[in-house]
Amino acid sequence: MIKISIALILSMLISIPAEAGWTLNNDESTLSFVSTKAINAAEVQKFSTLEGIVDDSGQAHVSIDLSSIDSAIELRDDRMREMLFETGMHPTAEITAQIDMAALGKMSSGDSGTMTVMGELALHGETVALTFDVVVARLGEGKLLVISQKPVIIGAQQFRLTQGIEKLREIAGLPSISTSVPVSFVLSFDSQ
């Protein structure tokens, strides 16, 4: 009887996933991009509201509130919401990806490593497959940090955003605004 109970307990422990999942900590996370206007005037902008989870199967989902755009210029933020992102119709951008939970499970507190993550970005009514090269750091038993190893280049034409960029260019009286932007991120996750 004792042998059966021990075997039952061990089988139950083995069936419990190493990680129950992760929730994005917005206060410790950032997603930013660099826009270039007038050929060589580059400016860093960010989104201040992010939500996300990684479930115990490794399915990751990050939602970006496009109305939380922060370029440090309120008028420009309003114009980007209305003319570029059209947040009334497209309030969020959604990133989905599959994370290798087995690799995460092998990491101890203080470990870090690189991963290539395949995913998709849904933005402005279009969905495009993307590859994210990231550094993953296990900061403790309950903390995970995911950092872009290199920027992800997002092209406006892929998401039907070129018309909005042209509107912004015209209203600002600029000779040009780049239609491709490098996007970088630092995403902090807490275990559930």
Protein backbone atom coordinates (compact mmCIF):
# COMPACT_ATOMS: atom_id res chain seq x y z
CA MET A 1 0.00 0.00 0.00
CA ILE A 2 2.81 2.43 0.85
CA LYS A 3 4.58 1.67 -2.45
CA ILE A 4 1.39 2.43 -4.39
CA SER A 5 0.92 5.76 -2.55
CA ILE A 6 4.51 6.85 -3.22
CA ALA A 7 4.19 5.90 -6.90
CA LEU A 8 0.91 7.86 -7.12
CA ILE A 9 2.45 10.96 -5.51
CA LEU A 10 5.50 10.82 -7.80
CA SER A 11 3.35 10.48 -10.91
CA MET A 12 1.27 13.47 -9.80
CA LEU A 13 4.40 15.59 -9.26
CA ILE A 14 5.82 14.67 -12.67
CA SER A 15 2.56 15.69 -14.37
CA ILE A 16 2.66 19.20 -12.84
CA PRO A 17 4.22 21.63 -15.33
CA ALA A 18 7.54 23.20 -14.31
CA GLU A 19 5.99 26.62 -14.84
CA ALA A 20 2.34 27.46 -14.38
CA GLY A 21 2.63 30.45 -16.70
CA TRP A 22 3.72 34.07 -16.68
CA THR A 23 1.97 37.46 -16.60
CA LEU A 24 3.52 40.59 -18.12
CA ASN A 25 4.43 43.29 -15.60
CA ASN A 26 3.58 46.56 -17.42
CA ASP A 27 5.43 48.76 -14.91
CA GLU A 28 8.70 46.96 -15.62
CA SER A 29 8.23 46.55 -19.38
CA THR A 30 8.75 48.80 -22.37
CA LEU A 31 8.22 48.63 -26.12
CA SER A 32 9.77 51.42 -28.17
CA PHE A 33 10.52 52.31 -31.76
CA VAL A 34 12.61 54.87 -33.62
CA SER A 35 10.97 56.99 -36.30
CA THR A 36 12.97 59.07 -38.76
CA LYS A 37 11.70 62.25 -40.34
CA ALA A 38 13.30 64.75 -42.73
CA ILE A 39 15.87 62.10 -43.76
CA ASN A 40 18.03 62.14 -40.61
CA ALA A 41 16.01 63.34 -37.60
CA ALA A 42 15.44 60.21 -35.48
CA GLU A 43 13.15 60.16 -32.45
CA VAL A 44 12.40 57.44 -29.89
CA GLN A 45 8.75 56.77 -29.12
CA LYS A 46 7.10 54.16 -26.92
CA PHE A 47 3.83 52.58 -25.87
CA SER A 48 3.11 52.86 -22.16
CA THR A 49 0.38 50.21 -21.79
CA LEU A 50 1.15 46.57 -22.47
CA GLU A 51 -0.61 43.42 -21.30
CA GLY A 52 0.47 39.86 -21.80
CA ILE A 53 0.71 36.27 -20.70
CA VAL A 54 2.69 33.15 -21.45
CA ASP A 55 0.56 30.13 -20.59
CA ASP A 56 1.91 26.82 -19.31
CA SER A 57 2.02 25.42 -22.87
CA GLY A 58 4.28 28.29 -23.99
CA GLN A 59 1.65 30.19 -25.96
CA ALA A 60 2.56 33.87 -25.58
CA HIS A 61 0.24 36.81 -26.19
CA VAL A 62 1.15 40.49 -25.79
CA SER A 63 -1.39 43.25 -26.39
CA ILE A 64 -0.19 46.81 -27.10
CA ASP A 65 -2.65 49.62 -26.38
CA LEU A 66 -2.01 51.87 -29.41
CA SER A 67 -3.69 54.83 -27.70
CA SER A 68 -0.87 54.73 -25.14
CA ILE A 69 1.61 56.05 -27.75
CA ASP A 70 4.08 58.39 -26.05
CA SER A 71 6.32 60.50 -28.28
CA ALA A 72 6.68 63.21 -25.59
CA ILE A 73 4.60 65.56 -27.79
CA GLU A 74 0.87 65.43 -27.06
CA LEU A 75 -0.26 66.87 -30.40
CA ARG A 76 1.84 64.32 -32.31
CA ASP A 77 0.45 61.51 -30.12
CA ASP A 78 -3.11 62.62 -30.92
CA ARG A 79 -2.33 62.74 -34.65
CA MET A 80 -0.72 59.30 -34.58
CA ARG A 81 -3.75 57.84 -32.79
CA GLU A 82 -6.18 59.35 -35.31
CA MET A 83 -4.28 59.40 -38.62
CA LEU A 84 -1.81 56.53 -38.38
CA PHE A 85 -3.08 53.84 -36.03
CA GLU A 86 -6.78 54.78 -36.34
CA THR A 87 -7.33 53.62 -32.77
CA GLY A 88 -11.11 54.04 -33.06
CA MET A 89 -11.14 51.04 -35.42
CA HIS A 90 -7.86 49.35 -34.42
CA PRO A 91 -7.25 49.98 -30.69
CA THR A 92 -4.52 47.37 -30.16
CA ALA A 93 -1.67 45.54 -31.79
CA GLU A 94 -1.43 41.87 -30.85
CA ILE A 95 1.70 39.72 -30.76
CA THR A 96 1.39 35.95 -30.51
CA ALA A 97 4.26 33.49 -30.34
CA GLN A 98 5.19 30.02 -29.14
CA ILE A 99 7.85 29.88 -26.41
CA ASP A 100 10.02 26.81 -25.76
CA MET A 101 8.92 26.04 -22.19
CA ALA A 102 11.32 23.09 -21.95
CA ALA A 103 14.24 25.49 -22.47
CA LEU A 104 12.82 27.86 -19.83
CA GLY A 105 12.38 24.96 -17.43
CA LYS A 106 16.10 24.16 -17.69
CA MET A 107 17.09 27.69 -16.68
CA SER A 108 18.03 28.34 -13.06
CA SER A 109 17.78 31.64 -11.27
CA GLY A 110 20.46 33.96 -12.67
CA ASP A 111 20.74 32.10 -16.00
CA SER A 112 20.26 33.79 -19.36
CA GLY A 113 20.32 32.63 -22.93
CA THR A 114 19.22 33.46 -26.44
CA MET A 115 16.17 32.19 -28.29
CA THR A 116 14.68 32.65 -31.71
CA VAL A 117 10.92 32.94 -31.37
CA MET A 118 8.52 32.63 -34.27
CA GLY A 119 5.36 34.69 -33.97
CA GLU A 120 2.84 36.98 -35.58
CA LEU A 121 1.97 40.65 -35.28
CA ALA A 122 -1.64 41.70 -35.87
CA LEU A 123 -1.79 45.45 -36.50
CA HIS A 124 -4.25 47.69 -38.33
CA GLY A 125 -6.25 44.75 -39.69
CA GLU A 126 -3.25 42.83 -41.05
CA THR A 127 -1.35 39.88 -39.58
CA VAL A 128 2.30 39.27 -40.49
CA ALA A 129 4.66 36.48 -39.42
CA LEU A 130 7.76 37.74 -37.62
CA THR A 131 10.90 36.30 -36.07
CA PHE A 132 12.08 37.66 -32.73
CA ASP A 133 15.68 37.10 -31.61
CA VAL A 134 15.58 37.54 -27.85
CA VAL A 135 17.67 37.25 -24.72
CA VAL A 136 15.82 35.51 -21.90
CA ALA A 137 17.01 35.98 -18.32
CA ARG A 138 15.68 34.10 -15.30
CA LEU A 139 15.97 36.75 -12.58
CA GLY A 140 14.53 34.55 -9.85
CA GLU A 141 12.00 31.82 -9.32
CA GLY A 142 9.14 34.21 -10.03
CA LYS A 143 10.71 36.63 -12.55
CA LEU A 144 11.54 36.36 -16.24
CA LEU A 145 12.98 39.06 -18.50
CA VAL A 146 12.70 38.91 -22.31
CA ILE A 147 14.76 41.48 -24.23
CA SER A 148 15.03 41.98 -27.98
CA GLN A 149 18.54 40.93 -29.00
CA LYS A 150 18.21 43.07 -32.09
CA PRO A 151 15.41 45.39 -33.24
CA VAL A 152 12.53 43.99 -35.26
CA ILE A 153 11.98 46.07 -38.41
CA ILE A 154 8.31 46.84 -39.01
CA GLY A 155 7.35 48.08 -42.48
CA ALA A 156 4.31 50.34 -42.76
CA GLN A 157 3.29 48.84 -46.10
CA GLN A 158 2.83 45.40 -44.46
CA PHE A 159 0.11 46.85 -42.22
CA ARG A 160 -1.54 49.36 -44.56
CA LEU A 161 -0.05 52.30 -42.61
CA THR A 162 1.62 54.20 -45.48
CA GLN A 163 -1.44 56.38 -46.12
CA GLY A 164 -1.45 57.42 -42.44
CA ILE A 165 2.26 58.22 -42.59
CA GLU A 166 1.65 60.38 -45.66
CA LYS A 167 -1.12 62.27 -43.79
CA LEU A 168 1.24 62.88 -40.88
CA ARG A 169 3.99 64.05 -43.25
CA GLU A 170 1.65 66.50 -44.97
CA ILE A 171 0.15 67.99 -41.79
CA ALA A 172 3.62 68.43 -40.25
CA GLY A 173 5.05 69.90 -43.47
CA LEU A 174 7.91 67.40 -43.55
CA PRO A 175 9.83 66.31 -46.66
CA SER A 176 9.77 62.66 -45.49
CA ILE A 177 8.89 60.20 -42.73
CA SER A 178 10.43 56.74 -42.88
CA THR A 179 8.01 53.90 -43.59
CA SER A 180 10.09 51.32 -41.71
CA VAL A 181 10.88 51.48 -38.01
CA PRO A 182 13.10 49.40 -35.72
CA VAL A 183 11.17 48.16 -32.67
CA SER A 184 12.86 47.09 -29.42
CA PHE A 185 11.40 45.71 -26.22
CA VAL A 186 12.11 44.74 -22.63
CA LEU A 187 9.32 42.54 -21.29
CA SER A 188 9.21 41.59 -17.64
CA PHE A 189 7.06 38.60 -16.62
CA ASP A 190 5.99 37.43 -13.17
CA SER A 191 5.06 33.80 -12.54
CA GLN A 192 1.34 33.16 -12.04
